[in-house]
Amino acid sequence: MQVVAEISLYPLNEKYIAPIQAFIDRLNTYPQLSVNTGSTSTVVAGEYLPTMQILAEEMQRSHQEIGQAIFVCKFLNGDKMGSGE
């Protein structure tokens, strides 16, 4: 099963660009993920369980490095994308 996740990261500090870029850069190191970054969010797609595990680990790492930060996420069943269902 595929999952598509749209993620926005909002670090709660004045220097917010570097932590956002670091999170995106780390996601791009995983060959099993498809990562597309836009101006306000990043869309990540891949096999459901491995993708969710990677996101959990990288979100935890961001919280440990940044401190307070907000992640806004939407998760979609990637198997149903484009099928009209």
N, C-alpha and C. Protein backbone atom coordinates (compact mmCIF):
# COMPACT_ATOMS: atom_id res chain seq x y z
N MET A 1 0.84 -1.18 0.00
CA MET A 1 0.00 0.00 0.00
C MET A 1 0.88 1.24 0.00
N GLN A 2 0.51 2.21 -0.79
CA GLN A 2 1.24 3.47 -0.88
C GLN A 2 0.59 4.53 0.02
N VAL A 3 1.40 5.46 0.50
CA VAL A 3 0.92 6.61 1.25
C VAL A 3 1.51 7.86 0.62
N VAL A 4 0.71 8.92 0.62
CA VAL A 4 1.18 10.24 0.20
C VAL A 4 0.95 11.16 1.40
N ALA A 5 2.00 11.84 1.83
CA ALA A 5 1.91 12.74 2.98
C ALA A 5 2.32 14.14 2.54
N GLU A 6 1.49 15.11 2.89
CA GLU A 6 1.84 16.52 2.67
C GLU A 6 2.20 17.09 4.03
N ILE A 7 3.42 17.62 4.15
CA ILE A 7 3.96 18.05 5.44
C ILE A 7 4.43 19.49 5.37
N SER A 8 4.05 20.26 6.38
CA SER A 8 4.58 21.60 6.58
C SER A 8 5.22 21.64 7.97
N LEU A 9 6.38 22.25 8.06
CA LEU A 9 7.10 22.36 9.34
C LEU A 9 7.21 23.83 9.71
N TYR A 10 6.83 24.15 10.95
CA TYR A 10 6.90 25.51 11.46
C TYR A 10 7.72 25.52 12.75
N PRO A 11 9.05 25.72 12.65
CA PRO A 11 9.86 25.83 13.87
C PRO A 11 9.46 27.10 14.63
N LEU A 12 9.35 26.98 15.93
CA LEU A 12 8.93 28.12 16.74
C LEU A 12 10.15 28.87 17.26
N ASN A 13 10.93 29.38 16.32
CA ASN A 13 12.05 30.25 16.65
C ASN A 13 12.31 31.18 15.47
N GLU A 14 13.12 32.19 15.70
CA GLU A 14 13.36 33.20 14.68
C GLU A 14 14.13 32.67 13.48
N LYS A 15 15.01 31.73 13.68
CA LYS A 15 15.81 31.17 12.59
C LYS A 15 15.14 29.88 12.12
N TYR A 16 14.13 30.04 11.29
CA TYR A 16 13.30 28.89 10.92
C TYR A 16 13.67 28.24 9.60
N ILE A 17 14.38 28.94 8.71
CA ILE A 17 14.65 28.38 7.38
C ILE A 17 15.63 27.20 7.45
N ALA A 18 16.68 27.32 8.19
CA ALA A 18 17.68 26.24 8.26
C ALA A 18 17.09 24.92 8.77
N PRO A 19 16.27 24.91 9.84
CA PRO A 19 15.70 23.64 10.28
C PRO A 19 14.74 23.02 9.26
N ILE A 20 13.99 23.86 8.56
CA ILE A 20 13.09 23.36 7.52
C ILE A 20 13.91 22.72 6.41
N GLN A 21 14.95 23.41 5.96
CA GLN A 21 15.79 22.87 4.88
C GLN A 21 16.48 21.59 5.31
N ALA A 22 16.92 21.53 6.56
CA ALA A 22 17.59 20.32 7.06
C ALA A 22 16.62 19.13 7.03
N PHE A 23 15.37 19.35 7.44
CA PHE A 23 14.36 18.29 7.42
C PHE A 23 14.14 17.80 5.98
N ILE A 24 13.97 18.72 5.06
CA ILE A 24 13.76 18.35 3.65
C ILE A 24 14.98 17.62 3.10
N ASP A 25 16.17 18.12 3.40
CA ASP A 25 17.40 17.48 2.92
C ASP A 25 17.51 16.05 3.43
N ARG A 26 17.15 15.83 4.69
CA ARG A 26 17.20 14.48 5.24
C ARG A 26 16.21 13.56 4.53
N LEU A 27 15.00 14.06 4.27
CA LEU A 27 14.02 13.24 3.55
C LEU A 27 14.54 12.84 2.17
N ASN A 28 15.25 13.74 1.54
CA ASN A 28 15.77 13.47 0.19
C ASN A 28 16.90 12.43 0.17
N THR A 29 17.41 12.04 1.34
CA THR A 29 18.46 11.02 1.37
C THR A 29 17.91 9.60 1.29
N TYR A 30 16.61 9.45 1.40
CA TYR A 30 15.99 8.12 1.38
C TYR A 30 15.56 7.78 -0.04
N PRO A 31 16.23 6.83 -0.68
CA PRO A 31 15.89 6.50 -2.07
C PRO A 31 14.50 5.90 -2.23
N GLN A 32 13.94 5.34 -1.16
CA GLN A 32 12.62 4.73 -1.26
C GLN A 32 11.48 5.75 -1.20
N LEU A 33 11.81 7.03 -0.97
CA LEU A 33 10.79 8.08 -0.91
C LEU A 33 10.81 8.92 -2.17
N SER A 34 9.63 9.35 -2.58
CA SER A 34 9.49 10.38 -3.59
C SER A 34 9.22 11.67 -2.82
N VAL A 35 10.06 12.70 -3.01
CA VAL A 35 9.95 13.94 -2.25
C VAL A 35 9.84 15.11 -3.23
N ASN A 36 8.74 15.86 -3.11
CA ASN A 36 8.52 17.04 -3.95
C ASN A 36 8.23 18.23 -3.04
N THR A 37 9.09 19.23 -3.10
CA THR A 37 8.97 20.38 -2.21
C THR A 37 8.38 21.56 -2.94
N GLY A 38 7.37 22.17 -2.33
CA GLY A 38 6.75 23.38 -2.84
C GLY A 38 7.07 24.55 -1.92
N SER A 39 6.39 25.65 -2.13
CA SER A 39 6.70 26.85 -1.35
C SER A 39 6.19 26.78 0.09
N THR A 40 5.16 25.99 0.35
CA THR A 40 4.62 25.93 1.72
C THR A 40 4.56 24.52 2.30
N SER A 41 4.84 23.51 1.50
CA SER A 41 4.79 22.15 2.02
C SER A 41 5.64 21.22 1.17
N THR A 42 5.87 20.04 1.70
CA THR A 42 6.61 18.99 1.00
C THR A 42 5.71 17.77 0.91
N VAL A 43 5.64 17.18 -0.28
CA VAL A 43 4.84 15.98 -0.49
C VAL A 43 5.80 14.80 -0.56
N VAL A 44 5.53 13.81 0.29
CA VAL A 44 6.36 12.61 0.39
C VAL A 44 5.48 11.42 0.05
N ALA A 45 5.99 10.52 -0.81
CA ALA A 45 5.23 9.33 -1.17
C ALA A 45 6.13 8.11 -1.10
N GLY A 46 5.52 6.98 -0.76
CA GLY A 46 6.26 5.73 -0.70
C GLY A 46 5.40 4.63 -0.13
N GLU A 47 6.01 3.47 0.08
CA GLU A 47 5.31 2.35 0.71
C GLU A 47 4.91 2.75 2.12
N TYR A 48 3.70 2.40 2.50
CA TYR A 48 3.08 2.93 3.72
C TYR A 48 3.94 2.80 4.98
N LEU A 49 4.22 1.59 5.41
CA LEU A 49 4.91 1.41 6.69
C LEU A 49 6.32 1.99 6.71
N PRO A 50 7.17 1.72 5.70
CA PRO A 50 8.50 2.32 5.73
C PRO A 50 8.46 3.86 5.70
N THR A 51 7.54 4.41 4.93
CA THR A 51 7.43 5.87 4.85
C THR A 51 7.02 6.45 6.19
N MET A 52 6.03 5.85 6.83
CA MET A 52 5.58 6.35 8.13
C MET A 52 6.69 6.23 9.17
N GLN A 53 7.48 5.17 9.11
CA GLN A 53 8.59 5.01 10.05
C GLN A 53 9.64 6.09 9.83
N ILE A 54 9.98 6.34 8.56
CA ILE A 54 10.97 7.39 8.25
C ILE A 54 10.46 8.74 8.74
N LEU A 55 9.20 9.05 8.45
CA LEU A 55 8.65 10.34 8.88
C LEU A 55 8.68 10.47 10.40
N ALA A 56 8.32 9.41 11.10
CA ALA A 56 8.33 9.46 12.57
C ALA A 56 9.75 9.73 13.09
N GLU A 57 10.73 9.03 12.54
CA GLU A 57 12.11 9.21 12.98
C GLU A 57 12.62 10.62 12.67
N GLU A 58 12.32 11.12 11.47
CA GLU A 58 12.82 12.45 11.09
C GLU A 58 12.07 13.57 11.81
N MET A 59 10.80 13.37 12.08
CA MET A 59 10.07 14.37 12.86
C MET A 59 10.60 14.41 14.29
N GLN A 60 10.86 13.24 14.87
CA GLN A 60 11.44 13.20 16.21
C GLN A 60 12.80 13.89 16.23
N ARG A 61 13.62 13.60 15.23
CA ARG A 61 14.95 14.23 15.16
C ARG A 61 14.81 15.75 15.08
N SER A 62 13.86 16.24 14.28
CA SER A 62 13.65 17.68 14.19
C SER A 62 13.25 18.26 15.54
N HIS A 63 12.35 17.60 16.25
CA HIS A 63 11.95 18.11 17.57
C HIS A 63 13.13 18.11 18.54
N GLN A 64 13.98 17.10 18.46
CA GLN A 64 15.15 17.07 19.33
C GLN A 64 16.12 18.19 19.00
N GLU A 65 16.30 18.49 17.72
CA GLU A 65 17.26 19.51 17.30
C GLU A 65 16.70 20.93 17.44
N ILE A 66 15.43 21.12 17.13
CA ILE A 66 14.83 22.46 17.08
C ILE A 66 14.28 22.87 18.44
N GLY A 67 13.71 21.91 19.15
CA GLY A 67 12.93 22.24 20.34
C GLY A 67 11.47 22.29 19.93
N GLN A 68 10.82 23.39 20.15
CA GLN A 68 9.41 23.50 19.79
C GLN A 68 9.25 23.73 18.29
N ALA A 69 8.41 22.93 17.69
CA ALA A 69 8.10 23.05 16.26
C ALA A 69 6.75 22.41 16.01
N ILE A 70 6.07 22.92 15.02
CA ILE A 70 4.76 22.39 14.65
C ILE A 70 4.89 21.69 13.30
N PHE A 71 4.39 20.48 13.22
CA PHE A 71 4.25 19.77 11.95
C PHE A 71 2.77 19.72 11.62
N VAL A 72 2.41 20.13 10.42
CA VAL A 72 1.05 19.99 9.93
C VAL A 72 1.12 18.96 8.81
N CYS A 73 0.37 17.86 8.95
CA CYS A 73 0.47 16.75 8.00
C CYS A 73 -0.91 16.31 7.53
N LYS A 74 -0.95 15.94 6.25
CA LYS A 74 -2.12 15.29 5.67
C LYS A 74 -1.64 13.99 5.08
N PHE A 75 -2.38 12.92 5.32
CA PHE A 75 -2.01 11.61 4.80
C PHE A 75 -3.12 11.09 3.91
N LEU A 76 -2.72 10.62 2.74
CA LEU A 76 -3.68 10.08 1.77
C LEU A 76 -3.30 8.67 1.38
N ASN A 77 -4.29 7.89 1.05
CA ASN A 77 -4.06 6.55 0.53
C ASN A 77 -3.55 6.70 -0.90
N GLY A 78 -2.27 6.47 -1.10
CA GLY A 78 -1.66 6.64 -2.41
C GLY A 78 -2.15 5.65 -3.44
N ASP A 79 -2.69 4.51 -2.99
CA ASP A 79 -3.24 3.53 -3.92
C ASP A 79 -4.46 4.05 -4.65
N LYS A 80 -5.15 5.02 -4.06
CA LYS A 80 -6.38 5.56 -4.64
C LYS A 80 -6.15 6.85 -5.41
N MET A 81 -4.90 7.31 -5.48
CA MET A 81 -4.61 8.56 -6.17
C MET A 81 -4.83 8.38 -7.68
N GLY A 82 -5.62 9.26 -8.25
CA GLY A 82 -5.84 9.25 -9.69
C GLY A 82 -6.77 8.17 -10.19
N SER A 83 -7.39 7.40 -9.28
CA SER A 83 -8.26 6.31 -9.73
C SER A 83 -9.72 6.73 -9.81
N GLY A 84 -10.02 7.98 -9.37
CA GLY A 84 -11.38 8.46 -9.42
C GLY A 84 -12.28 7.91 -8.33
N GLU A 85 -11.72 7.17 -7.40
CA GLU A 85 -12.53 6.61 -6.29
C GLU A 85 -12.53 7.52 -5.11
